[in-house]
């Protein structure tokens, strides 16, 4: 799925909502088949109200071999009309990156892969796969990350702003969707939006972490792709039912649709 494809599906559904598939209570299920059936129903219920899915690999890797099988089946189950994100935050030396690309893009069939920055920007470039999207984490939701991300470089600019400039040199806005935490200060979010005016952003942190839908649409407009997991999958905690999930996704879709429409109305006026 390309950036243009994402734009088209957001227009069709009038939202930028993404469902995060994080299974916090696997012990509720008798086995992998029952768990997969549950996830399949979640996708069926939520697909009309979102533009994509973010599959957090940690929740499936913790299940061992069967978890990897589940991930592959889940990516196959997600409609091709929806953005498929592998939230695995991978990046390493070049030979390892080759196999990460094979694992998540070729085998899993993901459209996008989250990455970290600590092996350098050239390493992230090695992860690039034609017609796929990389999602480098430039500003996480955790406030403690700012302890070093905002350290000034010799030029005086915070380190993260230097990273942003380098990313813009290495990639076009069609190839990367940076990850920026929704819980960060409005001033910092606005600075990032100003530095990357053509980019979409993946903005985790709405819901359980306290991020604001209104603020994201105010700052990024329809460029904010908003993944929400717990507020959709577990609105009533461990005992949440499929009916609860349907009510939660419909409510969030209505909220995001209203904000999405307001942004477009403002842009056209």
C-alpha atoms as a PDB file:
ATOM      1  CA  UNK A   1       0.000   0.000   0.000  1.00  0.00           C
ATOM      2  CA  UNK A   2       1.372   3.396  -1.030  1.00  0.00           C
ATOM      3  CA  UNK A   3       0.835   6.828   0.483  1.00  0.00           C
ATOM      4  CA  UNK A   4      -1.717   7.538  -2.255  1.00  0.00           C
ATOM      5  CA  UNK A   5      -3.585   4.337  -1.340  1.00  0.00           C
ATOM      6  CA  UNK A   6      -3.702   5.462   2.302  1.00  0.00           C
ATOM      7  CA  UNK A   7      -5.061   8.856   1.277  1.00  0.00           C
ATOM      8  CA  UNK A   8      -7.793   7.180  -0.758  1.00  0.00           C
ATOM      9  CA  UNK A   9      -8.929   4.885   2.056  1.00  0.00           C
ATOM     10  CA  UNK A  10      -9.019   7.779   4.531  1.00  0.00           C
ATOM     11  CA  UNK A  11     -11.257   9.676   2.116  1.00  0.00           C
ATOM     12  CA  UNK A  12     -13.539   6.674   1.721  1.00  0.00           C
ATOM     13  CA  UNK A  13     -13.977   6.143   5.460  1.00  0.00           C
ATOM     14  CA  UNK A  14     -13.584   9.770   6.561  1.00  0.00           C
ATOM     15  CA  UNK A  15     -11.173   8.804   9.326  1.00  0.00           C
ATOM     16  CA  UNK A  16      -7.507   8.084   9.997  1.00  0.00           C
ATOM     17  CA  UNK A  17      -8.251   5.530  12.724  1.00  0.00           C
ATOM     18  CA  UNK A  18      -6.067   2.402  12.949  1.00  0.00           C
ATOM     19  CA  UNK A  19      -6.876  -0.585  15.147  1.00  0.00           C
ATOM     20  CA  UNK A  20      -3.999  -1.872  17.256  1.00  0.00           C
ATOM     21  CA  UNK A  21      -4.021  -5.642  17.656  1.00  0.00           C
ATOM     22  CA  UNK A  22      -2.451  -6.144  21.103  1.00  0.00           C
ATOM     23  CA  UNK A  23      -3.722  -9.268  22.839  1.00  0.00           C
ATOM     24  CA  UNK A  24      -3.207  -8.643  26.558  1.00  0.00           C
ATOM     25  CA  UNK A  25      -5.028 -11.734  27.858  1.00  0.00           C
ATOM     26  CA  UNK A  26      -4.091 -14.761  25.710  1.00  0.00           C
ATOM     27  CA  UNK A  27      -4.879 -17.031  28.676  1.00  0.00           C
ATOM     28  CA  UNK A  28      -8.590 -16.422  28.002  1.00  0.00           C
ATOM     29  CA  UNK A  29      -8.355 -18.704  24.971  1.00  0.00           C
ATOM     30  CA  UNK A  30      -7.985 -22.479  24.907  1.00  0.00           C
ATOM     31  CA  UNK A  31      -5.471 -22.401  22.085  1.00  0.00           C
ATOM     32  CA  UNK A  32      -4.216 -20.605  18.989  1.00  0.00           C
ATOM     33  CA  UNK A  33      -7.254 -21.558  16.899  1.00  0.00           C
ATOM     34  CA  UNK A  34      -9.668 -19.957  19.355  1.00  0.00           C
ATOM     35  CA  UNK A  35      -7.445 -16.893  19.639  1.00  0.00           C
ATOM     36  CA  UNK A  36      -7.244 -16.527  15.857  1.00  0.00           C
ATOM     37  CA  UNK A  37     -11.022 -16.864  15.539  1.00  0.00           C
ATOM     38  CA  UNK A  38     -11.402 -14.048  18.071  1.00  0.00           C
ATOM     39  CA  UNK A  39      -8.978 -11.791  16.188  1.00  0.00           C
ATOM     40  CA  UNK A  40     -10.709 -12.640  12.900  1.00  0.00           C
ATOM     41  CA  UNK A  41     -14.012 -11.461  14.390  1.00  0.00           C
ATOM     42  CA  UNK A  42     -12.346  -8.258  15.603  1.00  0.00           C
ATOM     43  CA  UNK A  43     -11.184  -7.547  12.060  1.00  0.00           C
ATOM     44  CA  UNK A  44     -14.648  -8.259  10.648  1.00  0.00           C
ATOM     45  CA  UNK A  45     -16.267  -5.914  13.178  1.00  0.00           C
ATOM     46  CA  UNK A  46     -13.786  -3.056  12.869  1.00  0.00           C
ATOM     47  CA  UNK A  47     -12.843  -3.083   9.157  1.00  0.00           C
ATOM     48  CA  UNK A  48     -15.654  -0.727   8.027  1.00  0.00           C
ATOM     49  CA  UNK A  49     -14.597   1.886  10.598  1.00  0.00           C
ATOM     50  CA  UNK A  50     -10.808   2.049  10.250  1.00  0.00           C
ATOM     51  CA  UNK A  51      -8.133   2.446   7.604  1.00  0.00           C
ATOM     52  CA  UNK A  52      -5.696  -0.171   8.869  1.00  0.00           C
ATOM     53  CA  UNK A  53      -4.288  -2.391  11.587  1.00  0.00           C
ATOM     54  CA  UNK A  54      -1.127  -2.225  13.680  1.00  0.00           C
ATOM     55  CA  UNK A  55      -0.037  -5.690  14.788  1.00  0.00           C
ATOM     56  CA  UNK A  56       2.320  -5.462  17.783  1.00  0.00           C
ATOM     57  CA  UNK A  57       4.700  -8.389  17.334  1.00  0.00           C
ATOM     58  CA  UNK A  58       5.639  -8.585  21.045  1.00  0.00           C
ATOM     59  CA  UNK A  59       2.249  -9.987  22.005  1.00  0.00           C
ATOM     60  CA  UNK A  60       2.663 -12.801  19.501  1.00  0.00           C
ATOM     61  CA  UNK A  61       6.389 -13.446  19.888  1.00  0.00           C
ATOM     62  CA  UNK A  62       5.645 -14.123  23.576  1.00  0.00           C
ATOM     63  CA  UNK A  63       3.562 -17.117  22.473  1.00  0.00           C
ATOM     64  CA  UNK A  64       6.562 -18.776  20.834  1.00  0.00           C
ATOM     65  CA  UNK A  65       6.415 -20.594  17.503  1.00  0.00           C
ATOM     66  CA  UNK A  66       2.613 -20.541  17.414  1.00  0.00           C
ATOM     67  CA  UNK A  67       2.692 -16.756  17.799  1.00  0.00           C
ATOM     68  CA  UNK A  68       4.641 -16.344  14.574  1.00  0.00           C
ATOM     69  CA  UNK A  69       2.129 -18.556  12.810  1.00  0.00           C
ATOM     70  CA  UNK A  70      -0.679 -16.435  14.216  1.00  0.00           C
ATOM     71  CA  UNK A  71       0.903 -13.213  12.985  1.00  0.00           C
ATOM     72  CA  UNK A  72       1.217 -14.578   9.471  1.00  0.00           C
ATOM     73  CA  UNK A  73      -2.444 -15.646   9.496  1.00  0.00           C
ATOM     74  CA  UNK A  74      -3.546 -12.280  10.900  1.00  0.00           C
ATOM     75  CA  UNK A  75      -1.776 -10.315   8.163  1.00  0.00           C
ATOM     76  CA  UNK A  76      -3.425 -12.586   5.588  1.00  0.00           C
ATOM     77  CA  UNK A  77      -6.821 -11.993   7.187  1.00  0.00           C
ATOM     78  CA  UNK A  78      -6.562  -8.179   7.088  1.00  0.00           C
ATOM     79  CA  UNK A  79      -8.183  -6.930   3.861  1.00  0.00           C
ATOM     80  CA  UNK A  80      -5.775  -5.612   1.245  1.00  0.00           C
ATOM     81  CA  UNK A  81      -7.836  -2.410   1.268  1.00  0.00           C
ATOM     82  CA  UNK A  82      -6.409  -1.666   4.736  1.00  0.00           C
ATOM     83  CA  UNK A  83      -2.932  -0.593   5.804  1.00  0.00           C
ATOM     84  CA  UNK A  84      -1.060  -3.481   7.460  1.00  0.00           C
ATOM     85  CA  UNK A  85       1.555  -2.319   9.975  1.00  0.00           C
ATOM     86  CA  UNK A  86       4.063  -4.632  11.637  1.00  0.00           C
ATOM     87  CA  UNK A  87       4.903  -2.898  14.897  1.00  0.00           C
ATOM     88  CA  UNK A  88       8.200  -4.641  15.599  1.00  0.00           C
ATOM     89  CA  UNK A  89      10.686  -1.725  15.817  1.00  0.00           C
ATOM     90  CA  UNK A  90      13.430  -3.566  13.969  1.00  0.00           C
ATOM     91  CA  UNK A  91      16.784  -2.282  12.688  1.00  0.00           C
ATOM     92  CA  UNK A  92      20.263  -3.826  12.771  1.00  0.00           C
ATOM     93  CA  UNK A  93      23.342  -4.382  10.600  1.00  0.00           C
ATOM     94  CA  UNK A  94      22.805  -4.817   6.862  1.00  0.00           C
ATOM     95  CA  UNK A  95      22.808  -8.636   6.771  1.00  0.00           C
ATOM     96  CA  UNK A  96      20.247  -8.797   9.581  1.00  0.00           C
ATOM     97  CA  UNK A  97      18.099  -6.094   7.979  1.00  0.00           C
ATOM     98  CA  UNK A  98      17.860  -8.228   4.847  1.00  0.00           C
ATOM     99  CA  UNK A  99      16.136 -10.953   6.843  1.00  0.00           C
ATOM    100  CA  UNK A 100      13.949  -8.506   8.746  1.00  0.00           C
ATOM    101  CA  UNK A 101      12.676  -7.292   5.370  1.00  0.00           C
ATOM    102  CA  UNK A 102      11.974 -10.840   4.276  1.00  0.00           C
ATOM    103  CA  UNK A 103      10.242 -11.706   7.557  1.00  0.00           C
ATOM    104  CA  UNK A 104       7.862  -8.766   7.765  1.00  0.00           C
ATOM    105  CA  UNK A 105       7.387  -7.654   4.173  1.00  0.00           C
ATOM    106  CA  UNK A 106       7.699 -10.871   2.164  1.00  0.00           C
ATOM    107  CA  UNK A 107       6.548 -13.556   4.616  1.00  0.00           C
ATOM    108  CA  UNK A 108       4.113 -11.627   6.823  1.00  0.00           C
ATOM    109  CA  UNK A 109       2.901  -9.422   3.999  1.00  0.00           C
ATOM    110  CA  UNK A 110       3.028  -6.182   5.987  1.00  0.00           C
ATOM    111  CA  UNK A 111       2.775  -2.845   4.178  1.00  0.00           C
ATOM    112  CA  UNK A 112       4.771  -0.986   6.812  1.00  0.00           C
ATOM    113  CA  UNK A 113       7.346  -1.711   9.517  1.00  0.00           C
ATOM    114  CA  UNK A 114       8.222   0.361  12.578  1.00  0.00           C
ATOM    115  CA  UNK A 115      11.941   0.876  13.149  1.00  0.00           C
ATOM    116  CA  UNK A 116      14.260   2.377  15.754  1.00  0.00           C
ATOM    117  CA  UNK A 117      17.135   4.775  15.068  1.00  0.00           C
ATOM    118  CA  UNK A 118      20.062   3.416  17.026  1.00  0.00           C
ATOM    119  CA  UNK A 119      21.928   1.704  14.192  1.00  0.00           C
ATOM    120  CA  UNK A 120      21.940   4.940  12.218  1.00  0.00           C
ATOM    121  CA  UNK A 121      19.964   6.311   9.332  1.00  0.00           C
ATOM    122  CA  UNK A 122      21.886   4.338   6.722  1.00  0.00           C
ATOM    123  CA  UNK A 123      20.756   1.164   8.481  1.00  0.00           C
ATOM    124  CA  UNK A 124      17.147   2.316   8.228  1.00  0.00           C
ATOM    125  CA  UNK A 125      17.751   2.938   4.527  1.00  0.00           C
ATOM    126  CA  UNK A 126      18.855  -0.708   4.199  1.00  0.00           C
ATOM    127  CA  UNK A 127      15.459  -1.772   5.525  1.00  0.00           C
ATOM    128  CA  UNK A 128      13.677  -0.021   2.668  1.00  0.00           C
ATOM    129  CA  UNK A 129      11.634  -2.363   0.490  1.00  0.00           C
ATOM    130  CA  UNK A 130      10.140  -1.228  -2.811  1.00  0.00           C
ATOM    131  CA  UNK A 131       6.479  -0.229  -2.522  1.00  0.00           C
ATOM    132  CA  UNK A 132       6.590  -0.574   1.276  1.00  0.00           C
ATOM    133  CA  UNK A 133       6.678   2.039   4.038  1.00  0.00           C
ATOM    134  CA  UNK A 134       9.100   2.454   6.937  1.00  0.00           C
ATOM    135  CA  UNK A 135       7.925   3.987  10.204  1.00  0.00           C
ATOM    136  CA  UNK A 136      10.943   5.240  12.166  1.00  0.00           C
ATOM    137  CA  UNK A 137      10.217   6.161  15.787  1.00  0.00           C
ATOM    138  CA  UNK A 138      11.485   9.718  16.097  1.00  0.00           C
ATOM    139  CA  UNK A 139       9.633  10.861  19.229  1.00  0.00           C
ATOM    140  CA  UNK A 140       8.048   8.151  21.415  1.00  0.00           C
ATOM    141  CA  UNK A 141       5.151   8.780  23.772  1.00  0.00           C
ATOM    142  CA  UNK A 142       7.377   8.182  26.806  1.00  0.00           C
ATOM    143  CA  UNK A 143       8.428  11.507  28.287  1.00  0.00           C
ATOM    144  CA  UNK A 144      11.726   9.999  29.476  1.00  0.00           C
ATOM    145  CA  UNK A 145      12.869   9.690  25.851  1.00  0.00           C
ATOM    146  CA  UNK A 146      13.092  13.476  25.685  1.00  0.00           C
ATOM    147  CA  UNK A 147      16.029  13.359  28.109  1.00  0.00           C
ATOM    148  CA  UNK A 148      18.317  12.603  25.175  1.00  0.00           C
ATOM    149  CA  UNK A 149      16.232  13.264  22.041  1.00  0.00           C
ATOM    150  CA  UNK A 150      16.195  16.978  22.840  1.00  0.00           C
ATOM    151  CA  UNK A 151      19.903  17.216  23.696  1.00  0.00           C
ATOM    152  CA  UNK A 152      21.429  19.969  21.495  1.00  0.00           C
ATOM    153  CA  UNK A 153      23.794  19.000  18.677  1.00  0.00           C
ATOM    154  CA  UNK A 154      26.910  21.162  18.047  1.00  0.00           C
ATOM    155  CA  UNK A 155      24.748  23.316  15.766  1.00  0.00           C
ATOM    156  CA  UNK A 156      22.415  24.013  18.661  1.00  0.00           C
ATOM    157  CA  UNK A 157      19.480  22.079  17.213  1.00  0.00           C
ATOM    158  CA  UNK A 158      18.036  19.246  19.305  1.00  0.00           C
ATOM    159  CA  UNK A 159      19.250  15.864  18.138  1.00  0.00           C
ATOM    160  CA  UNK A 160      15.776  14.804  16.998  1.00  0.00           C
ATOM    161  CA  UNK A 161      15.508  17.790  14.641  1.00  0.00           C
ATOM    162  CA  UNK A 162      18.840  16.822  13.073  1.00  0.00           C
ATOM    163  CA  UNK A 163      17.446  13.299  12.583  1.00  0.00           C
ATOM    164  CA  UNK A 164      14.352  14.718  10.903  1.00  0.00           C
ATOM    165  CA  UNK A 165      16.452  16.721   8.440  1.00  0.00           C
ATOM    166  CA  UNK A 166      18.540  13.653   7.612  1.00  0.00           C
ATOM    167  CA  UNK A 167      15.445  11.489   7.134  1.00  0.00           C
ATOM    168  CA  UNK A 168      14.070  14.042   4.672  1.00  0.00           C
ATOM    169  CA  UNK A 169      17.319  13.831   2.708  1.00  0.00           C
ATOM    170  CA  UNK A 170      17.275  10.023   2.559  1.00  0.00           C
ATOM    171  CA  UNK A 171      13.565   9.381   2.004  1.00  0.00           C
ATOM    172  CA  UNK A 172      10.636  11.016   0.305  1.00  0.00           C
ATOM    173  CA  UNK A 173       7.336  11.565   2.099  1.00  0.00           C
ATOM    174  CA  UNK A 174       6.033   8.558   0.132  1.00  0.00           C
ATOM    175  CA  UNK A 175       8.522   6.162   1.727  1.00  0.00           C
ATOM    176  CA  UNK A 176       8.369   6.946   5.442  1.00  0.00           C
ATOM    177  CA  UNK A 177       5.708   7.699   8.023  1.00  0.00           C
ATOM    178  CA  UNK A 178       7.478   8.843  11.206  1.00  0.00           C
ATOM    179  CA  UNK A 179       6.174   7.748  14.596  1.00  0.00           C
ATOM    180  CA  UNK A 180       5.425  10.607  16.992  1.00  0.00           C
ATOM    181  CA  UNK A 181       3.787  10.118  20.373  1.00  0.00           C
ATOM    182  CA  UNK A 182       0.360  11.659  20.867  1.00  0.00           C
ATOM    183  CA  UNK A 183       1.123  12.512  24.496  1.00  0.00           C
ATOM    184  CA  UNK A 184       3.937  14.948  23.667  1.00  0.00           C
ATOM    185  CA  UNK A 185       3.476  18.667  24.211  1.00  0.00           C
ATOM    186  CA  UNK A 186       1.491  20.579  21.609  1.00  0.00           C
ATOM    187  CA  UNK A 187       4.443  22.882  20.942  1.00  0.00           C
ATOM    188  CA  UNK A 188       6.741  19.949  20.163  1.00  0.00           C
ATOM    189  CA  UNK A 189       4.142  18.291  17.933  1.00  0.00           C
ATOM    190  CA  UNK A 190       3.674  21.558  16.034  1.00  0.00           C
ATOM    191  CA  UNK A 191       7.417  21.886  15.510  1.00  0.00           C
ATOM    192  CA  UNK A 192       7.600  18.378  14.036  1.00  0.00           C
ATOM    193  CA  UNK A 193       4.573  19.048  11.806  1.00  0.00           C
ATOM    194  CA  UNK A 194       6.248  22.244  10.557  1.00  0.00           C
ATOM    195  CA  UNK A 195       9.539  20.459   9.824  1.00  0.00           C
ATOM    196  CA  UNK A 196       7.803  17.682   7.851  1.00  0.00           C
ATOM    197  CA  UNK A 197       4.886  19.388   6.075  1.00  0.00           C
ATOM    198  CA  UNK A 198       4.411  16.675   3.425  1.00  0.00           C
ATOM    199  CA  UNK A 199       4.566  13.654   5.715  1.00  0.00           C
ATOM    200  CA  UNK A 200       1.942  11.535   7.360  1.00  0.00           C
ATOM    201  CA  UNK A 201       2.608  10.518  10.977  1.00  0.00           C
ATOM    202  CA  UNK A 202       1.785   7.454  13.045  1.00  0.00           C
ATOM    203  CA  UNK A 203       0.685   8.902  16.377  1.00  0.00           C
ATOM    204  CA  UNK A 204       0.305   6.289  19.145  1.00  0.00           C
ATOM    205  CA  UNK A 205      -0.779   7.249  22.642  1.00  0.00           C
ATOM    206  CA  UNK A 206      -4.495   8.064  22.315  1.00  0.00           C
ATOM    207  CA  UNK A 207      -6.766   6.254  24.759  1.00  0.00           C
ATOM    208  CA  UNK A 208      -5.149   4.477  27.701  1.00  0.00           C
ATOM    209  CA  UNK A 209      -2.014   6.653  27.511  1.00  0.00           C
ATOM    210  CA  UNK A 210      -3.980   9.907  27.543  1.00  0.00           C
ATOM    211  CA  UNK A 211      -3.326  11.398  24.103  1.00  0.00           C
ATOM    212  CA  UNK A 212      -5.946  13.687  22.583  1.00  0.00           C
ATOM    213  CA  UNK A 213      -7.731  13.110  19.268  1.00  0.00           C
ATOM    214  CA  UNK A 214      -8.591  16.801  19.055  1.00  0.00           C
ATOM    215  CA  UNK A 215      -5.006  17.894  19.483  1.00  0.00           C
ATOM    216  CA  UNK A 216      -3.709  15.463  16.851  1.00  0.00           C
ATOM    217  CA  UNK A 217      -6.191  16.667  14.240  1.00  0.00           C
ATOM    218  CA  UNK A 218      -5.516  20.286  15.220  1.00  0.00           C
ATOM    219  CA  UNK A 219      -1.754  19.858  14.781  1.00  0.00           C
ATOM    220  CA  UNK A 220      -1.406  17.355  11.934  1.00  0.00           C
ATOM    221  CA  UNK A 221      -4.807  17.519  10.288  1.00  0.00           C
ATOM    222  CA  UNK A 222      -5.602  14.397   8.295  1.00  0.00           C
ATOM    223  CA  UNK A 223      -1.899  13.505   8.245  1.00  0.00           C
ATOM    224  CA  UNK A 224      -2.228  11.905  11.695  1.00  0.00           C
ATOM    225  CA  UNK A 225      -2.719   8.145  11.434  1.00  0.00           C
ATOM    226  CA  UNK A 226      -4.080   7.269  14.861  1.00  0.00           C
ATOM    227  CA  UNK A 227      -3.583   3.732  16.220  1.00  0.00           C
ATOM    228  CA  UNK A 228      -5.740   2.767  19.206  1.00  0.00           C
ATOM    229  CA  UNK A 229      -5.630  -0.656  20.795  1.00  0.00           C
ATOM    230  CA  UNK A 230      -6.784  -0.965  24.413  1.00  0.00           C
ATOM    231  CA  UNK A 231      -9.644   1.533  24.101  1.00  0.00           C
ATOM    232  CA  UNK A 232     -11.018  -0.636  21.271  1.00  0.00           C
ATOM    233  CA  UNK A 233     -10.075  -4.183  22.270  1.00  0.00           C
ATOM    234  CA  UNK A 234     -10.561  -3.755  26.036  1.00  0.00           C
ATOM    235  CA  UNK A 235     -12.968  -0.861  26.739  1.00  0.00           C
ATOM    236  CA  UNK A 236     -14.332  -2.830  29.710  1.00  0.00           C
ATOM    237  CA  UNK A 237     -11.131  -4.558  30.714  1.00  0.00           C
ATOM    238  CA  UNK A 238     -10.442  -8.269  30.626  1.00  0.00           C
ATOM    239  CA  UNK A 239     -14.130  -9.233  30.327  1.00  0.00           C
ATOM    240  CA  UNK A 240     -14.786  -7.113  27.205  1.00  0.00           C
ATOM    241  CA  UNK A 241     -17.134  -8.751  24.700  1.00  0.00           C
ATOM    242  CA  UNK A 242     -17.302  -8.471  20.920  1.00  0.00           C
ATOM    243  CA  UNK A 243     -20.367  -6.260  21.359  1.00  0.00           C
ATOM    244  CA  UNK A 244     -18.295  -3.910  23.535  1.00  0.00           C
ATOM    245  CA  UNK A 245     -15.601  -3.810  20.854  1.00  0.00           C
ATOM    246  CA  UNK A 246     -18.154  -2.937  18.165  1.00  0.00           C
ATOM    247  CA  UNK A 247     -19.568  -0.136  20.298  1.00  0.00           C
ATOM    248  CA  UNK A 248     -16.066   1.205  21.003  1.00  0.00           C
ATOM    249  CA  UNK A 249     -14.971   1.244  17.350  1.00  0.00           C
ATOM    250  CA  UNK A 250     -18.218   2.878  16.223  1.00  0.00           C
ATOM    251  CA  UNK A 251     -17.834   5.596  18.872  1.00  0.00           C
ATOM    252  CA  UNK A 252     -14.229   6.325  17.930  1.00  0.00           C
ATOM    253  CA  UNK A 253     -15.080   6.307  14.240  1.00  0.00           C
ATOM    254  CA  UNK A 254     -17.820   8.898  14.792  1.00  0.00           C
ATOM    255  CA  UNK A 255     -15.425  11.065  16.811  1.00  0.00           C
ATOM    256  CA  UNK A 256     -12.633  10.874  14.248  1.00  0.00           C
ATOM    257  CA  UNK A 257     -15.046  11.331  11.328  1.00  0.00           C
ATOM    258  CA  UNK A 258     -16.276  14.583  12.858  1.00  0.00           C
ATOM    259  CA  UNK A 259     -12.723  15.836  13.389  1.00  0.00           C
ATOM    260  CA  UNK A 260     -11.649  14.655   9.928  1.00  0.00           C
ATOM    261  CA  UNK A 261     -14.551  16.546   8.370  1.00  0.00           C
ATOM    262  CA  UNK A 262     -13.757  19.681  10.350  1.00  0.00           C
ATOM    263  CA  UNK A 263     -10.160  19.643   9.101  1.00  0.00           C
ATOM    264  CA  UNK A 264     -11.261  19.291   5.470  1.00  0.00           C
ATOM    265  CA  UNK A 265     -13.872  22.037   5.885  1.00  0.00           C
ATOM    266  CA  UNK A 266     -11.267  24.384   7.320  1.00  0.00           C
ATOM    267  CA  UNK A 267      -8.831  23.568   4.506  1.00  0.00           C
ATOM    268  CA  UNK A 268     -11.444  24.314   1.829  1.00  0.00           C
ATOM    269  CA  UNK A 269     -12.659  27.587   3.351  1.00  0.00           C
END
